[in-house]
Amino acid sequence: MVDVEIVKEKLIHLEEYINDLDEYRDLEFEKLAADKILFRYLERTLHLAVEAVLDIGSHIISDERLGNPKFNSEIIEILADNNIIKENADDYIRMAKFRNIIVHDYAEIDPEILLRIIKENISDLKAIFKWYRDYIS
């Protein structure tokens, strides 16, 4: 059985990160490219959001004894196999892999890519937030 209180607390943080990113959906590339502090803020907030998605997913998997993922991408696969993630699992697997790029600094994140994620993929974070919330309700 999932510890609902722990997941609810993590969902509060995830919702905050999503809302923070959502505030910048209309940001112009030039402004982002010229503002190092803003870029770092958005990069870090995206990292925290993805980390929260994976942390909540891992918590559900552990509590429900759904498996033992060795990689972040396996968290998404297990959640999709158990119909917790309802659609577009491949998008979430890419998100999990993108987390490694951000965290381990494998490559510098291009401001254009960061902005595209903020403009086009916040809906993915909102969807998984809803699926998690629905799952514990």
C-alpha atoms as a PDB file:
ATOM      1  CA  MET A   1       0.000   0.000   0.000  1.00  0.00           C
ATOM      2  CA  VAL A   2       1.341   3.410  -0.982  1.00  0.00           C
ATOM      3  CA  ASP A   3       2.131   5.823   1.837  1.00  0.00           C
ATOM      4  CA  VAL A   4      -0.302   8.484   0.672  1.00  0.00           C
ATOM      5  CA  GLU A   5       1.036  11.227   2.948  1.00  0.00           C
ATOM      6  CA  ILE A   6       4.577  10.905   1.606  1.00  0.00           C
ATOM      7  CA  VAL A   7       3.357  10.980  -1.995  1.00  0.00           C
ATOM      8  CA  LYS A   8       1.071  13.956  -1.281  1.00  0.00           C
ATOM      9  CA  GLU A   9       4.024  15.899   0.132  1.00  0.00           C
ATOM     10  CA  LYS A  10       6.115  15.104  -2.934  1.00  0.00           C
ATOM     11  CA  LEU A  11       3.215  16.083  -5.203  1.00  0.00           C
ATOM     12  CA  ILE A  12       3.069  19.502  -3.530  1.00  0.00           C
ATOM     13  CA  HIS A  13       6.683  20.086  -4.555  1.00  0.00           C
ATOM     14  CA  LEU A  14       6.135  18.718  -8.059  1.00  0.00           C
ATOM     15  CA  GLU A  15       3.149  21.017  -8.556  1.00  0.00           C
ATOM     16  CA  GLU A  16       5.240  23.985  -7.413  1.00  0.00           C
ATOM     17  CA  TYR A  17       8.013  23.149  -9.902  1.00  0.00           C
ATOM     18  CA  ILE A  18       5.493  22.737 -12.712  1.00  0.00           C
ATOM     19  CA  ASN A  19       3.870  26.077 -11.881  1.00  0.00           C
ATOM     20  CA  ASP A  20       7.270  27.782 -11.718  1.00  0.00           C
ATOM     21  CA  LEU A  21       8.188  26.470 -15.166  1.00  0.00           C
ATOM     22  CA  ASP A  22       4.758  27.255 -16.556  1.00  0.00           C
ATOM     23  CA  GLU A  23       5.265  30.940 -15.702  1.00  0.00           C
ATOM     24  CA  TYR A  24       7.984  31.034 -18.398  1.00  0.00           C
ATOM     25  CA  ARG A  25       6.044  29.454 -21.275  1.00  0.00           C
ATOM     26  CA  ASP A  26       6.037  32.781 -23.142  1.00  0.00           C
ATOM     27  CA  LEU A  27       9.710  33.510 -22.528  1.00  0.00           C
ATOM     28  CA  GLU A  28      11.623  34.694 -25.577  1.00  0.00           C
ATOM     29  CA  PHE A  29      14.805  32.879 -26.551  1.00  0.00           C
ATOM     30  CA  GLU A  30      16.869  36.073 -26.597  1.00  0.00           C
ATOM     31  CA  LYS A  31      15.983  36.839 -22.975  1.00  0.00           C
ATOM     32  CA  LEU A  32      16.862  33.322 -21.829  1.00  0.00           C
ATOM     33  CA  ALA A  33      20.116  33.236 -23.792  1.00  0.00           C
ATOM     34  CA  ALA A  34      21.178  36.598 -22.334  1.00  0.00           C
ATOM     35  CA  ASP A  35      20.331  35.824 -18.692  1.00  0.00           C
ATOM     36  CA  LYS A  36      22.609  33.222 -17.127  1.00  0.00           C
ATOM     37  CA  ILE A  37      20.826  33.299 -13.770  1.00  0.00           C
ATOM     38  CA  LEU A  38      17.410  32.780 -15.368  1.00  0.00           C
ATOM     39  CA  PHE A  39      18.808  29.930 -17.458  1.00  0.00           C
ATOM     40  CA  ARG A  40      20.256  28.234 -14.378  1.00  0.00           C
ATOM     41  CA  TYR A  41      17.011  28.757 -12.452  1.00  0.00           C
ATOM     42  CA  LEU A  42      14.933  27.137 -15.182  1.00  0.00           C
ATOM     43  CA  GLU A  43      17.430  24.328 -15.723  1.00  0.00           C
ATOM     44  CA  ARG A  44      17.474  23.551 -12.002  1.00  0.00           C
ATOM     45  CA  THR A  45      13.683  23.791 -11.678  1.00  0.00           C
ATOM     46  CA  LEU A  46      13.275  21.386 -14.590  1.00  0.00           C
ATOM     47  CA  HIS A  47      15.759  19.062 -12.918  1.00  0.00           C
ATOM     48  CA  LEU A  48      13.804  19.203  -9.645  1.00  0.00           C
ATOM     49  CA  ALA A  49      10.537  18.491 -11.467  1.00  0.00           C
ATOM     50  CA  VAL A  50      11.943  15.459 -13.271  1.00  0.00           C
ATOM     51  CA  GLU A  51      13.593  14.256 -10.067  1.00  0.00           C
ATOM     52  CA  ALA A  52      10.238  14.527  -8.257  1.00  0.00           C
ATOM     53  CA  VAL A  53       8.503  12.540 -11.015  1.00  0.00           C
ATOM     54  CA  LEU A  54      11.076   9.768 -10.688  1.00  0.00           C
ATOM     55  CA  ASP A  55      11.100   9.875  -6.884  1.00  0.00           C
ATOM     56  CA  ILE A  56       7.313   9.565  -6.645  1.00  0.00           C
ATOM     57  CA  GLY A  57       7.347   6.793  -9.232  1.00  0.00           C
ATOM     58  CA  SER A  58      10.060   4.937  -7.366  1.00  0.00           C
ATOM     59  CA  HIS A  59       8.131   5.304  -4.133  1.00  0.00           C
ATOM     60  CA  ILE A  60       4.965   3.861  -5.699  1.00  0.00           C
ATOM     61  CA  ILE A  61       6.902   0.967  -7.224  1.00  0.00           C
ATOM     62  CA  SER A  62       8.560   0.154  -3.919  1.00  0.00           C
ATOM     63  CA  ASP A  63       5.411   0.419  -1.794  1.00  0.00           C
ATOM     64  CA  GLU A  64       3.343  -1.600  -4.258  1.00  0.00           C
ATOM     65  CA  ARG A  65       6.168  -4.113  -4.810  1.00  0.00           C
ATOM     66  CA  LEU A  66       5.960  -3.686  -8.577  1.00  0.00           C
ATOM     67  CA  GLY A  67       9.598  -4.355  -9.296  1.00  0.00           C
ATOM     68  CA  ASN A  68      13.144  -3.250  -8.696  1.00  0.00           C
ATOM     69  CA  PRO A  69      14.175  -0.708 -11.328  1.00  0.00           C
ATOM     70  CA  LYS A  70      17.895  -0.373 -11.890  1.00  0.00           C
ATOM     71  CA  PHE A  71      17.627   2.677 -14.145  1.00  0.00           C
ATOM     72  CA  ASN A  72      15.397   5.727 -14.152  1.00  0.00           C
ATOM     73  CA  SER A  73      13.952   4.663 -17.493  1.00  0.00           C
ATOM     74  CA  GLU A  74      12.825   1.405 -15.866  1.00  0.00           C
ATOM     75  CA  ILE A  75      10.796   3.405 -13.333  1.00  0.00           C
ATOM     76  CA  ILE A  76       8.761   4.773 -16.224  1.00  0.00           C
ATOM     77  CA  GLU A  77       8.470   1.366 -17.898  1.00  0.00           C
ATOM     78  CA  ILE A  78       7.163  -0.260 -14.705  1.00  0.00           C
ATOM     79  CA  LEU A  79       4.668   2.558 -14.124  1.00  0.00           C
ATOM     80  CA  ALA A  80       3.444   2.257 -17.727  1.00  0.00           C
ATOM     81  CA  ASP A  81       3.204  -1.547 -17.483  1.00  0.00           C
ATOM     82  CA  ASN A  82       0.999  -1.087 -14.402  1.00  0.00           C
ATOM     83  CA  ASN A  83      -1.182   1.573 -16.077  1.00  0.00           C
ATOM     84  CA  ILE A  84      -0.084   4.339 -13.715  1.00  0.00           C
ATOM     85  CA  ILE A  85       1.423   6.210 -16.652  1.00  0.00           C
ATOM     86  CA  LYS A  86      -1.445   6.071 -19.115  1.00  0.00           C
ATOM     87  CA  GLU A  87       0.147   7.116 -22.406  1.00  0.00           C
ATOM     88  CA  ASN A  88       3.292   8.317 -24.160  1.00  0.00           C
ATOM     89  CA  ALA A  89       5.641   6.229 -22.007  1.00  0.00           C
ATOM     90  CA  ASP A  90       8.454   6.813 -24.514  1.00  0.00           C
ATOM     91  CA  ASP A  91       8.258  10.573 -23.859  1.00  0.00           C
ATOM     92  CA  TYR A  92       8.675   9.960 -20.136  1.00  0.00           C
ATOM     93  CA  ILE A  93      11.551   7.562 -20.734  1.00  0.00           C
ATOM     94  CA  ARG A  94      13.304  10.331 -22.701  1.00  0.00           C
ATOM     95  CA  MET A  95      12.568  12.678 -19.794  1.00  0.00           C
ATOM     96  CA  ALA A  96      14.197  10.231 -17.373  1.00  0.00           C
ATOM     97  CA  LYS A  97      17.262  10.019 -19.601  1.00  0.00           C
ATOM     98  CA  PHE A  98      17.357  13.810 -19.946  1.00  0.00           C
ATOM     99  CA  ARG A  99      17.579  13.969 -16.156  1.00  0.00           C
ATOM    100  CA  ASN A 100      20.958  12.238 -16.360  1.00  0.00           C
ATOM    101  CA  ILE A 101      22.230  14.874 -18.774  1.00  0.00           C
ATOM    102  CA  ILE A 102      21.166  17.671 -16.431  1.00  0.00           C
ATOM    103  CA  VAL A 103      22.453  16.046 -13.255  1.00  0.00           C
ATOM    104  CA  HIS A 104      25.724  14.655 -14.505  1.00  0.00           C
ATOM    105  CA  ASP A 105      26.459  17.544 -16.854  1.00  0.00           C
ATOM    106  CA  TYR A 106      27.236  15.172 -19.717  1.00  0.00           C
ATOM    107  CA  ALA A 107      26.703  18.049 -22.079  1.00  0.00           C
ATOM    108  CA  GLU A 108      25.855  21.676 -21.784  1.00  0.00           C
ATOM    109  CA  ILE A 109      22.140  22.207 -22.163  1.00  0.00           C
ATOM    110  CA  ASP A 110      21.337  24.386 -25.132  1.00  0.00           C
ATOM    111  CA  PRO A 111      19.070  27.296 -24.134  1.00  0.00           C
ATOM    112  CA  GLU A 112      16.962  26.577 -27.209  1.00  0.00           C
ATOM    113  CA  ILE A 113      16.351  22.994 -26.052  1.00  0.00           C
ATOM    114  CA  LEU A 114      15.553  24.118 -22.512  1.00  0.00           C
ATOM    115  CA  LEU A 115      13.063  26.669 -23.802  1.00  0.00           C
ATOM    116  CA  ARG A 116      11.462  24.147 -26.145  1.00  0.00           C
ATOM    117  CA  ILE A 117      10.991  21.740 -23.233  1.00  0.00           C
ATOM    118  CA  ILE A 118       9.389  24.478 -21.150  1.00  0.00           C
ATOM    119  CA  LYS A 119       7.074  25.528 -23.984  1.00  0.00           C
ATOM    120  CA  GLU A 120       6.156  22.070 -25.298  1.00  0.00           C
ATOM    121  CA  ASN A 121       6.571  19.538 -22.499  1.00  0.00           C
ATOM    122  CA  ILE A 122       5.128  21.098 -19.360  1.00  0.00           C
ATOM    123  CA  SER A 123       1.893  19.345 -20.337  1.00  0.00           C
ATOM    124  CA  ASP A 124       3.712  16.014 -19.865  1.00  0.00           C
ATOM    125  CA  LEU A 125       4.622  16.987 -16.318  1.00  0.00           C
ATOM    126  CA  LYS A 126       1.041  18.084 -15.678  1.00  0.00           C
ATOM    127  CA  ALA A 127      -0.265  14.749 -17.000  1.00  0.00           C
ATOM    128  CA  ILE A 128       1.993  12.634 -14.814  1.00  0.00           C
ATOM    129  CA  PHE A 129       1.153  14.827 -11.822  1.00  0.00           C
ATOM    130  CA  LYS A 130      -2.546  14.108 -12.443  1.00  0.00           C
ATOM    131  CA  TRP A 131      -1.941  10.365 -12.874  1.00  0.00           C
ATOM    132  CA  TYR A 132      -0.025  10.214  -9.602  1.00  0.00           C
ATOM    133  CA  ARG A 133      -2.679  12.236  -7.789  1.00  0.00           C
ATOM    134  CA  ASP A 134      -5.431  10.029  -9.201  1.00  0.00           C
ATOM    135  CA  TYR A 135      -3.492   6.899  -8.253  1.00  0.00           C
ATOM    136  CA  ILE A 136      -3.320   7.807  -4.565  1.00  0.00           C
ATOM    137  CA  SER A 137      -6.922   9.069  -4.409  1.00  0.00           C
END
